[in-house]
Amino acid sequence: MEQTRKFTWKELIVVASMLFGMYFGASNLTFPVQIGQQSGSAFISSIIGFIITGTILPLLGVAAIAITRTHGVFELAQPIGKTYALIFTVILYIAIGPAFATPRTATVPFEFGIATHVSAASAPFWLLIYSACFFTAVIFLSLNRHKVVDYVGRYLNPAFIIMVVILIAVAIFKPMGTTAGQAVTGAWRSGSTTNGIIQGYQTMDALASVEFGIVVITAIKALGVKKESTVAHLTVKAGIIAASAMAVIYTGLAYIGATSLGHFKIAADGGIALGQITQFFFGNAGVYILAIMATITCLTTAVGVTTSFATAFSGLFPKFGYKTYVIAVSIISFGVSNFGFATIIAIAMPFLMFIYPLCITLILLSLASPLFHRARVVYICTTIFTIVPALIDGLNAGPAFIAKSAFVQALTGFESKYVPFFAQGFAWLVPAIIGFVIGIGVYEVKSVRVGKTVSETE
């Protein structure tokens, strides 16, 4: 008989805080500010788009893990096929781990707090030192994974939230300007919401959600809750609390960015803008506050991703243990981080345009799976129809030598003529829906045939 235990609100808040801390990283802090500056008076519709992929979709990812009672992305993707599930899982974890997201957690706080105080010639040396210290801390926290809730939920994350709330509150009560009449620039003019959705990809939170779900479930079980239905319910509750907090902070940061145009020009990126804004409100001390803020939020994200990676890979490839994977991921992330933030972002974008549609459809299929009894044909048809346009979108977002090649130009030329929403970056959407409808049709036909056969034999 499963043990039942009443879960207190205090414990739920701690778990939600842990989830928030794992999600809220470098891009979560800088991109909303950048969106606010670039979209100006349209910042509300822009941040709504960002919230869709940066908050709502990650919540659905956590819910998918909880509702299907799977133990991670590998089990979630298994209806498509074990080989696909394994490949998808490995690619996803490597990207969220040592390839893109985890190295970025070290480069961003370095640029906020240290790069502006050292010469360009010595910056690589100081990045080497800073990233070595950063990932040493990641190793220490990740090796004590049963204490992740305490370290992240009880201490690190509340400190960060307090800093962000103070900054937003000061900006609201002492605004630098008004959002009314501020210029809407670039792609934000033609589609502020859709562009916000694409920018939300940069958070990588939807990709991480299918990793973090199992961390939350493990944390809840460690606190004494054993009944699966109760664990699922509490996981979704924690996700809603974390997502709501993120949405509020995103909106506040976007507002700060939009109102900052009363004093500043549009910055090259959100990090620079946030640095200028913080210094405006808090003087020279603001730079150090921002550095502490960025270090805390990025460290919590790095710990969350590293523990998820090590847990998953020690299960998939048990030849090596959890501690070995923690150390390996941290060392590789340390090496990649020293290529710099701009290089990591540039390489990541084509991958995100490809992998995000596959992750979105997997999450939605998992949530809807009770309607078709998790039938493989529905998963397979939807994925096949999604993967081709997603791959073309990824190639189109790649470096010029790839995107401008004759082969890719022919593919994108065809898509731009015949596939809806190509210009907005959603060429995969209609094909995915078509694949889903075909899959449901095949499932229904098979169900009727099976039912007919059973009735004939009775």
Protein backbone atom coordinates (compact mmCIF):
# COMPACT_ATOMS: atom_id res chain seq x y z
CA MET A 1 0.00 0.00 0.00
CA GLU A 2 1.34 3.41 -1.02
CA GLN A 3 2.21 5.80 1.76
CA THR A 4 0.14 8.97 1.85
CA ARG A 5 1.28 12.20 3.45
CA LYS A 6 -0.10 15.71 3.59
CA PHE A 7 2.12 18.08 1.61
CA THR A 8 2.34 21.49 3.26
CA TRP A 9 2.11 24.77 1.38
CA LYS A 10 5.58 25.68 2.63
CA GLU A 11 7.02 22.54 1.02
CA LEU A 12 5.09 23.21 -2.20
CA ILE A 13 6.51 26.74 -2.38
CA VAL A 14 10.02 25.39 -1.80
CA VAL A 15 9.65 22.88 -4.66
CA ALA A 16 8.12 25.57 -6.92
CA SER A 17 11.02 27.85 -6.02
CA MET A 18 13.47 25.10 -6.93
CA LEU A 19 11.75 24.68 -10.31
CA PHE A 20 11.77 28.44 -10.87
CA GLY A 21 15.46 28.56 -10.03
CA MET A 22 16.33 25.77 -12.47
CA TYR A 23 14.37 27.48 -15.26
CA PHE A 24 15.36 31.08 -14.72
CA GLY A 25 18.76 31.49 -16.30
CA ALA A 26 20.74 33.92 -18.40
CA SER A 27 18.35 34.41 -21.30
CA ASN A 28 15.35 34.61 -18.96
CA LEU A 29 16.91 37.66 -17.36
CA THR A 30 18.14 39.48 -20.47
CA PHE A 31 15.71 38.69 -23.29
CA PRO A 32 12.59 40.27 -21.72
CA VAL A 33 14.50 43.54 -21.26
CA GLN A 34 15.67 43.37 -24.86
CA ILE A 35 12.11 42.63 -26.03
CA GLY A 36 10.84 45.64 -24.09
CA GLN A 37 13.36 47.95 -25.73
CA GLN A 38 12.90 46.65 -29.25
CA SER A 39 9.10 46.40 -29.21
CA GLY A 40 8.53 49.70 -27.39
CA SER A 41 4.82 50.50 -27.12
CA ALA A 42 4.02 46.95 -28.34
CA PHE A 43 5.83 45.36 -25.39
CA ILE A 44 2.63 43.82 -23.95
CA SER A 45 1.78 41.75 -27.06
CA SER A 46 5.48 40.93 -27.51
CA ILE A 47 5.95 39.63 -23.98
CA ILE A 48 2.74 37.60 -24.29
CA GLY A 49 4.36 35.71 -27.17
CA PHE A 50 7.52 35.25 -25.13
CA ILE A 51 5.49 33.93 -22.19
CA ILE A 52 3.82 31.33 -24.44
CA THR A 53 7.11 29.57 -25.22
CA GLY A 54 9.04 30.76 -22.17
CA THR A 55 6.44 29.95 -19.51
CA ILE A 56 3.28 28.15 -20.66
CA LEU A 57 5.08 25.58 -22.81
CA PRO A 58 7.56 24.64 -20.06
CA LEU A 59 4.62 24.22 -17.68
CA LEU A 60 2.99 21.85 -20.18
CA GLY A 61 6.28 19.94 -20.41
CA VAL A 62 6.39 19.37 -16.66
CA ALA A 63 2.69 18.45 -16.72
CA ALA A 64 3.33 15.93 -19.53
CA ILE A 65 5.94 14.11 -17.42
CA ALA A 66 3.66 14.13 -14.38
CA ILE A 67 0.43 13.12 -16.14
CA THR A 68 1.96 10.33 -18.24
CA ARG A 69 3.92 9.16 -15.16
CA THR A 70 7.01 8.70 -17.27
CA HIS A 71 10.53 9.14 -15.93
CA GLY A 72 11.86 11.58 -18.50
CA VAL A 73 12.03 12.43 -22.17
CA PHE A 74 13.18 8.92 -23.21
CA GLU A 75 9.98 7.29 -21.96
CA LEU A 76 7.93 10.23 -23.21
CA ALA A 77 9.20 9.71 -26.78
CA GLN A 78 9.11 5.89 -26.79
CA PRO A 79 5.78 5.61 -28.65
CA ILE A 80 7.59 7.01 -31.71
CA GLY A 81 10.15 4.22 -31.43
CA LYS A 82 12.95 3.29 -29.05
CA THR A 83 15.70 4.30 -31.47
CA TYR A 84 14.11 7.71 -32.08
CA ALA A 85 13.55 8.15 -28.35
CA LEU A 86 17.18 7.40 -27.56
CA ILE A 87 18.55 9.71 -30.28
CA PHE A 88 16.14 12.50 -29.36
CA THR A 89 16.98 12.17 -25.67
CA VAL A 90 20.75 12.23 -26.22
CA ILE A 91 20.56 15.24 -28.57
CA LEU A 92 18.25 17.12 -26.22
CA TYR A 93 20.35 16.52 -23.11
CA ILE A 94 23.62 17.37 -24.83
CA ALA A 95 22.15 20.62 -26.18
CA ILE A 96 20.58 21.65 -22.89
CA GLY A 97 23.68 20.45 -21.09
CA PRO A 98 27.27 20.89 -22.20
CA ALA A 99 26.70 22.12 -25.78
CA PHE A 100 24.66 25.32 -25.32
CA ALA A 101 22.65 26.10 -22.20
CA THR A 102 25.01 25.16 -19.40
CA PRO A 103 28.10 26.94 -20.82
CA ARG A 104 25.94 30.03 -21.32
CA THR A 105 25.16 30.14 -17.60
CA ALA A 106 28.81 31.02 -16.91
CA THR A 107 29.44 33.44 -19.79
CA VAL A 108 26.47 35.74 -19.07
CA PRO A 109 27.28 36.67 -15.44
CA PHE A 110 30.92 37.07 -16.46
CA GLU A 111 29.94 39.64 -19.09
CA PHE A 112 27.71 41.47 -16.59
CA GLY A 113 30.12 41.68 -13.72
CA ILE A 114 33.70 41.24 -14.86
CA ALA A 115 34.17 41.80 -18.61
CA THR A 116 33.35 45.51 -18.35
CA HIS A 117 36.07 45.99 -15.70
CA VAL A 118 38.96 44.30 -17.51
CA SER A 119 40.70 44.94 -20.81
CA ALA A 120 39.61 43.12 -23.95
CA ALA A 121 43.04 41.47 -24.13
CA SER A 122 42.82 40.03 -20.61
CA ALA A 123 39.09 39.10 -20.78
CA PRO A 124 39.73 35.51 -22.00
CA PHE A 125 42.05 34.89 -19.05
CA TRP A 126 39.49 36.21 -16.54
CA LEU A 127 36.72 34.20 -18.22
CA LEU A 128 38.88 31.11 -17.77
CA ILE A 129 39.29 31.83 -14.05
CA TYR A 130 35.64 32.77 -13.49
CA SER A 131 34.21 29.78 -15.38
CA ALA A 132 36.57 27.41 -13.50
CA CYS A 133 35.23 28.72 -10.16
CA PHE A 134 31.65 28.67 -11.46
CA PHE A 135 31.69 25.04 -12.58
CA THR A 136 33.54 23.95 -9.45
CA ALA A 137 30.52 25.26 -7.53
CA VAL A 138 28.20 23.45 -9.97
CA ILE A 139 30.00 20.16 -9.30
CA PHE A 140 29.78 20.60 -5.53
CA LEU A 141 26.04 21.40 -5.57
CA SER A 142 25.18 18.72 -8.12
CA LEU A 143 27.03 15.95 -6.29
CA ASN A 144 24.81 16.68 -3.29
CA ARG A 145 21.65 16.20 -5.36
CA HIS A 146 19.47 15.27 -2.40
CA LYS A 147 20.16 18.75 -1.07
CA VAL A 148 19.23 20.53 -4.31
CA VAL A 149 15.87 21.61 -2.85
CA ASP A 150 17.63 23.18 0.14
CA TYR A 151 20.43 24.85 -1.80
CA VAL A 152 18.33 26.15 -4.68
CA GLY A 153 14.81 26.43 -3.29
CA ARG A 154 15.59 27.70 0.21
CA TYR A 155 18.65 29.88 -0.27
CA LEU A 156 19.89 30.81 -3.73
CA ASN A 157 16.63 31.41 -5.56
CA PRO A 158 14.84 33.56 -2.93
CA ALA A 159 17.88 35.85 -2.86
CA PHE A 160 17.67 36.28 -6.62
CA ILE A 161 13.90 36.86 -6.57
CA ILE A 162 14.33 39.60 -3.95
CA MET A 163 16.90 41.38 -6.14
CA VAL A 164 14.71 41.23 -9.24
CA VAL A 165 11.58 42.36 -7.38
CA ILE A 166 13.44 45.35 -5.90
CA LEU A 167 14.66 46.38 -9.36
CA ILE A 168 11.18 46.06 -10.90
CA ALA A 169 9.52 47.87 -7.98
CA VAL A 170 11.91 50.80 -8.19
CA ALA A 171 11.37 51.01 -11.96
CA ILE A 172 7.59 51.04 -11.51
CA PHE A 173 7.55 53.71 -8.79
CA LYS A 174 10.32 55.78 -10.41
CA PRO A 175 9.87 55.06 -14.15
CA MET A 176 12.47 56.36 -16.56
CA GLY A 177 9.72 57.20 -19.02
CA THR A 178 6.45 56.02 -20.48
CA THR A 179 5.75 53.13 -22.86
CA ALA A 180 3.27 55.17 -24.88
CA GLY A 181 4.60 56.32 -28.22
CA GLN A 182 7.88 54.39 -28.00
CA ALA A 183 9.07 53.16 -31.40
CA VAL A 184 8.41 49.56 -32.45
CA THR A 185 11.49 48.34 -34.31
CA GLY A 186 12.50 45.57 -36.73
CA ALA A 187 10.49 42.37 -36.87
CA TRP A 188 8.33 43.53 -33.98
CA ARG A 189 6.44 45.85 -36.37
CA SER A 190 4.97 43.04 -38.46
CA GLY A 191 4.31 40.46 -35.75
CA SER A 192 5.10 41.33 -32.16
CA THR A 193 3.44 38.25 -30.66
CA THR A 194 4.83 35.72 -33.16
CA ASN A 195 8.30 37.22 -32.87
CA GLY A 196 7.98 36.99 -29.09
CA ILE A 197 7.17 33.29 -29.44
CA ILE A 198 10.35 32.71 -31.49
CA GLN A 199 12.44 34.70 -28.99
CA GLY A 200 11.08 32.45 -26.26
CA TYR A 201 12.95 29.57 -27.89
CA GLN A 202 16.18 31.12 -26.61
CA THR A 203 15.24 30.34 -23.01
CA MET A 204 15.36 26.61 -23.90
CA ASP A 205 12.94 26.10 -21.00
CA ALA A 206 10.49 23.93 -22.95
CA LEU A 207 13.37 21.63 -23.85
CA ALA A 208 14.49 21.59 -20.23
CA SER A 209 10.98 20.99 -18.90
CA VAL A 210 11.02 17.34 -19.97
CA GLU A 211 14.24 17.02 -17.97
CA PHE A 212 13.22 19.05 -14.92
CA GLY A 213 9.91 17.25 -14.49
CA ILE A 214 11.61 14.17 -13.09
CA VAL A 215 13.75 16.31 -10.74
CA VAL A 216 10.59 17.84 -9.27
CA ILE A 217 8.93 14.44 -8.97
CA THR A 218 12.03 13.03 -7.22
CA ALA A 219 12.09 16.00 -4.82
CA ILE A 220 8.41 15.55 -3.92
CA LYS A 221 8.89 11.81 -3.33
CA ALA A 222 11.95 12.54 -1.19
CA LEU A 223 9.72 14.66 1.04
CA GLY A 224 7.58 11.60 1.78
CA VAL A 225 4.83 11.57 -0.87
CA LYS A 226 4.58 8.15 -2.53
CA LYS A 227 1.15 7.99 -4.16
CA GLU A 228 1.64 8.53 -7.91
CA SER A 229 -1.56 10.51 -8.48
CA THR A 230 -0.70 12.82 -5.59
CA VAL A 231 2.85 13.30 -6.90
CA ALA A 232 1.46 14.21 -10.33
CA HIS A 233 -1.01 16.67 -8.83
CA LEU A 234 1.65 18.36 -6.69
CA THR A 235 4.08 18.52 -9.62
CA VAL A 236 1.53 20.38 -11.75
CA LYS A 237 0.76 22.69 -8.81
CA ALA A 238 4.44 23.51 -8.35
CA GLY A 239 4.74 24.12 -12.09
CA ILE A 240 1.82 26.55 -12.08
CA ILE A 241 3.31 28.53 -9.19
CA ALA A 242 6.75 28.69 -10.85
CA ALA A 243 5.28 29.59 -14.27
CA SER A 244 3.11 32.34 -12.78
CA ALA A 245 6.09 33.89 -11.01
CA MET A 246 8.13 33.76 -14.20
CA ALA A 247 5.36 35.40 -16.25
CA VAL A 248 5.06 38.28 -13.75
CA ILE A 249 8.83 38.86 -13.73
CA TYR A 250 9.05 38.66 -17.53
CA THR A 251 6.37 41.32 -17.82
CA GLY A 252 8.12 43.51 -15.27
CA LEU A 253 11.47 43.21 -17.04
CA ALA A 254 9.87 43.99 -20.42
CA TYR A 255 8.23 47.06 -18.88
CA ILE A 256 11.62 48.19 -17.56
CA GLY A 257 13.09 47.77 -21.04
CA ALA A 258 10.30 49.73 -22.72
CA THR A 259 10.35 52.62 -20.22
CA SER A 260 14.17 52.80 -20.34
CA LEU A 261 13.87 54.30 -23.83
CA GLY A 262 13.09 57.56 -22.07
CA HIS A 263 16.78 57.73 -21.14
CA PHE A 264 18.69 55.19 -23.26
CA LYS A 265 18.91 54.14 -26.88
CA ILE A 266 18.20 50.52 -27.80
CA ALA A 267 21.17 48.48 -26.58
CA ALA A 268 22.97 45.80 -28.57
CA ASP A 269 21.55 43.11 -26.27
CA GLY A 270 19.51 42.72 -23.12
CA GLY A 271 22.57 42.28 -20.92
CA ILE A 272 23.94 45.70 -21.82
CA ALA A 273 20.50 47.25 -21.41
CA LEU A 274 20.02 45.66 -18.00
CA GLY A 275 23.43 46.89 -16.92
CA GLN A 276 22.58 50.46 -17.95
CA ILE A 277 19.20 50.34 -16.23
CA THR A 278 20.60 48.90 -13.00
CA GLN A 279 23.34 51.51 -12.90
CA PHE A 280 20.76 54.26 -13.51
CA PHE A 281 18.76 53.23 -10.45
CA PHE A 282 21.53 52.07 -8.11
CA GLY A 283 24.64 53.90 -9.31
CA ASN A 284 28.01 52.13 -9.57
CA ALA A 285 26.87 49.61 -6.98
CA GLY A 286 24.25 48.50 -9.50
CA VAL A 287 26.88 46.79 -11.60
CA TYR A 288 27.86 44.56 -8.68
CA ILE A 289 24.21 43.91 -7.78
CA LEU A 290 23.58 42.80 -11.35
CA ALA A 291 26.64 40.54 -11.28
CA ILE A 292 25.45 38.85 -8.07
CA MET A 293 21.93 38.54 -9.50
CA ALA A 294 23.16 36.95 -12.71
CA THR A 295 25.54 34.59 -10.93
CA ILE A 296 22.81 33.32 -8.59
CA THR A 297 20.22 32.70 -11.30
CA CYS A 298 22.71 31.13 -13.69
CA LEU A 299 24.19 28.89 -10.99
CA THR A 300 20.75 27.54 -10.06
CA THR A 301 20.01 26.77 -13.71
CA ALA A 302 23.38 25.07 -14.21
CA VAL A 303 22.83 22.86 -11.16
CA GLY A 304 19.34 21.91 -12.34
CA VAL A 305 20.47 20.98 -15.83
CA THR A 306 23.56 19.11 -14.61
CA THR A 307 21.63 16.99 -12.09
CA SER A 308 18.99 16.20 -14.72
CA PHE A 309 21.62 15.24 -17.29
CA ALA A 310 23.54 13.02 -14.89
CA THR A 311 20.38 11.33 -13.63
CA ALA A 312 19.17 10.58 -17.15
CA PHE A 313 22.48 9.39 -18.58
CA SER A 314 23.35 7.21 -15.59
CA GLY A 315 20.04 5.45 -16.31
CA LEU A 316 20.43 5.25 -20.10
CA PHE A 317 24.14 4.38 -20.03
CA PRO A 318 24.82 2.83 -16.61
CA LYS A 319 28.43 1.98 -17.45
CA PHE A 320 29.26 5.27 -15.74
CA GLY A 321 27.72 6.52 -12.51
CA TYR A 322 25.92 9.73 -11.60
CA LYS A 323 29.03 11.42 -10.17
CA THR A 324 31.07 10.67 -13.30
CA TYR A 325 28.45 12.34 -15.51
CA VAL A 326 28.26 15.37 -13.22
CA ILE A 327 32.00 15.91 -13.46
CA ALA A 328 32.11 15.23 -17.22
CA VAL A 329 29.28 17.65 -18.03
CA SER A 330 30.80 20.36 -15.86
CA ILE A 331 34.25 20.00 -17.44
CA ILE A 332 32.87 20.06 -21.01
CA SER A 333 30.63 23.04 -20.17
CA PHE A 334 33.66 24.81 -18.73
CA GLY A 335 35.53 24.32 -22.00
CA VAL A 336 32.65 25.44 -24.23
CA SER A 337 31.93 28.50 -22.09
CA ASN A 338 35.34 29.89 -22.97
CA PHE A 339 34.28 30.35 -26.60
CA GLY A 340 32.11 33.24 -25.38
CA PHE A 341 28.41 34.09 -25.17
CA ALA A 342 27.95 35.46 -28.72
CA THR A 343 29.42 32.34 -30.33
CA ILE A 344 27.24 30.01 -28.25
CA ILE A 345 24.06 31.96 -29.12
CA ALA A 346 24.86 32.01 -32.84
CA ILE A 347 25.43 28.26 -32.98
CA ALA A 348 22.35 27.48 -30.88
CA MET A 349 19.70 29.25 -32.99
CA PRO A 350 19.59 26.81 -35.97
CA PHE A 351 19.37 23.90 -33.54
CA LEU A 352 16.49 25.55 -31.65
CA MET A 353 14.51 26.15 -34.85
CA PHE A 354 14.83 22.44 -35.59
CA ILE A 355 14.37 20.81 -32.20
CA TYR A 356 11.67 23.05 -30.71
CA PRO A 357 8.86 21.90 -33.07
CA LEU A 358 9.69 18.27 -32.26
CA CYS A 359 9.64 19.02 -28.55
CA ILE A 360 6.39 21.00 -28.77
CA THR A 361 4.57 18.26 -30.67
CA LEU A 362 5.90 15.60 -28.27
CA ILE A 363 4.63 17.55 -25.25
CA LEU A 364 1.19 18.15 -26.80
CA LEU A 365 0.89 14.54 -27.96
CA SER A 366 1.75 13.32 -24.46
CA LEU A 367 -0.89 15.54 -22.88
CA ALA A 368 -3.49 14.38 -25.41
CA SER A 369 -2.42 10.73 -25.35
CA PRO A 370 -5.30 9.50 -23.13
CA LEU A 371 -7.66 10.40 -26.01
CA PHE A 372 -6.01 7.91 -28.35
CA HIS A 373 -4.52 5.48 -25.81
CA ARG A 374 -0.98 6.59 -26.65
CA ALA A 375 -1.26 4.94 -30.05
CA ARG A 376 2.08 4.86 -31.88
CA VAL A 377 0.58 5.72 -35.25
CA VAL A 378 -0.53 9.16 -34.01
CA TYR A 379 2.93 9.94 -32.62
CA ILE A 380 4.72 8.67 -35.73
CA CYS A 381 2.54 10.48 -38.28
CA THR A 382 2.75 13.77 -36.39
CA THR A 383 6.51 13.54 -35.97
CA ILE A 384 7.18 12.61 -39.61
CA PHE A 385 5.15 15.57 -40.85
CA THR A 386 6.89 17.88 -38.36
CA ILE A 387 10.50 16.89 -38.78
CA VAL A 388 10.99 17.89 -42.43
CA PRO A 389 9.80 21.54 -42.24
CA ALA A 390 11.52 21.87 -38.85
CA LEU A 391 14.80 20.74 -40.41
CA ILE A 392 14.39 23.27 -43.24
CA ASP A 393 13.70 26.04 -40.71
CA GLY A 394 16.86 25.05 -38.87
CA LEU A 395 18.95 25.13 -42.06
CA ASN A 396 17.45 28.50 -42.96
CA ALA A 397 18.53 29.89 -39.57
CA GLY A 398 22.06 28.52 -39.99
CA PRO A 399 25.26 30.31 -41.02
CA ALA A 400 25.23 32.09 -44.40
CA PHE A 401 27.24 29.37 -46.14
CA ILE A 402 24.43 26.93 -45.28
CA ALA A 403 21.35 29.17 -45.45
CA LYS A 404 22.41 30.73 -48.77
CA SER A 405 23.44 27.47 -50.46
CA ALA A 406 21.51 26.55 -53.61
CA PHE A 407 20.02 23.42 -52.00
CA VAL A 408 18.67 25.23 -48.92
CA GLN A 409 17.48 28.16 -51.02
CA ALA A 410 15.46 25.75 -53.16
CA LEU A 411 13.87 24.19 -50.07
CA THR A 412 13.03 27.51 -48.43
CA GLY A 413 11.77 28.90 -51.73
CA PHE A 414 9.29 26.03 -51.96
CA GLU A 415 8.20 26.43 -48.34
CA SER A 416 7.74 30.18 -48.64
CA LYS A 417 5.36 29.65 -51.59
CA TYR A 418 3.33 26.67 -50.44
CA VAL A 419 3.64 26.27 -46.66
CA PRO A 420 1.72 28.67 -44.37
CA PHE A 421 3.52 30.66 -41.66
CA PHE A 422 6.99 30.14 -43.15
CA ALA A 423 7.83 33.84 -42.82
CA GLN A 424 6.91 33.75 -39.12
CA GLY A 425 9.11 30.71 -38.43
CA PHE A 426 6.25 28.24 -38.03
CA ALA A 427 6.36 26.30 -41.30
CA TRP A 428 6.08 23.10 -39.27
CA LEU A 429 2.71 23.98 -37.71
CA VAL A 430 0.26 23.08 -40.50
CA PRO A 431 2.16 19.91 -41.54
CA ALA A 432 2.16 18.80 -37.88
CA ILE A 433 -1.60 19.28 -37.67
CA ILE A 434 -2.05 17.35 -40.92
CA GLY A 435 0.13 14.53 -39.58
CA PHE A 436 -1.87 14.45 -36.36
CA VAL A 437 -5.19 14.28 -38.23
CA ILE A 438 -3.90 11.47 -40.45
CA GLY A 439 -2.64 9.60 -37.39
CA ILE A 440 -5.97 9.97 -35.60
CA GLY A 441 -7.76 8.80 -38.76
CA VAL A 442 -5.63 5.66 -39.02
CA TYR A 443 -6.09 5.02 -35.28
CA GLU A 444 -9.87 5.31 -35.57
CA VAL A 445 -10.01 2.99 -38.60
CA LYS A 446 -7.90 0.41 -36.78
CA SER A 447 -10.08 0.72 -33.68
CA VAL A 448 -13.24 0.13 -35.73
CA ARG A 449 -11.68 -2.92 -37.41
CA VAL A 450 -10.55 -4.37 -34.10
CA GLY A 451 -13.96 -3.76 -32.58
CA LYS A 452 -15.66 -5.37 -35.56
CA THR A 453 -13.36 -8.41 -35.40
CA VAL A 454 -14.03 -8.85 -31.68
CA SER A 455 -17.81 -8.65 -32.20
CA GLU A 456 -17.67 -11.22 -35.02
CA THR A 457 -15.77 -13.71 -32.87
CA GLU A 458 -18.16 -13.45 -29.93
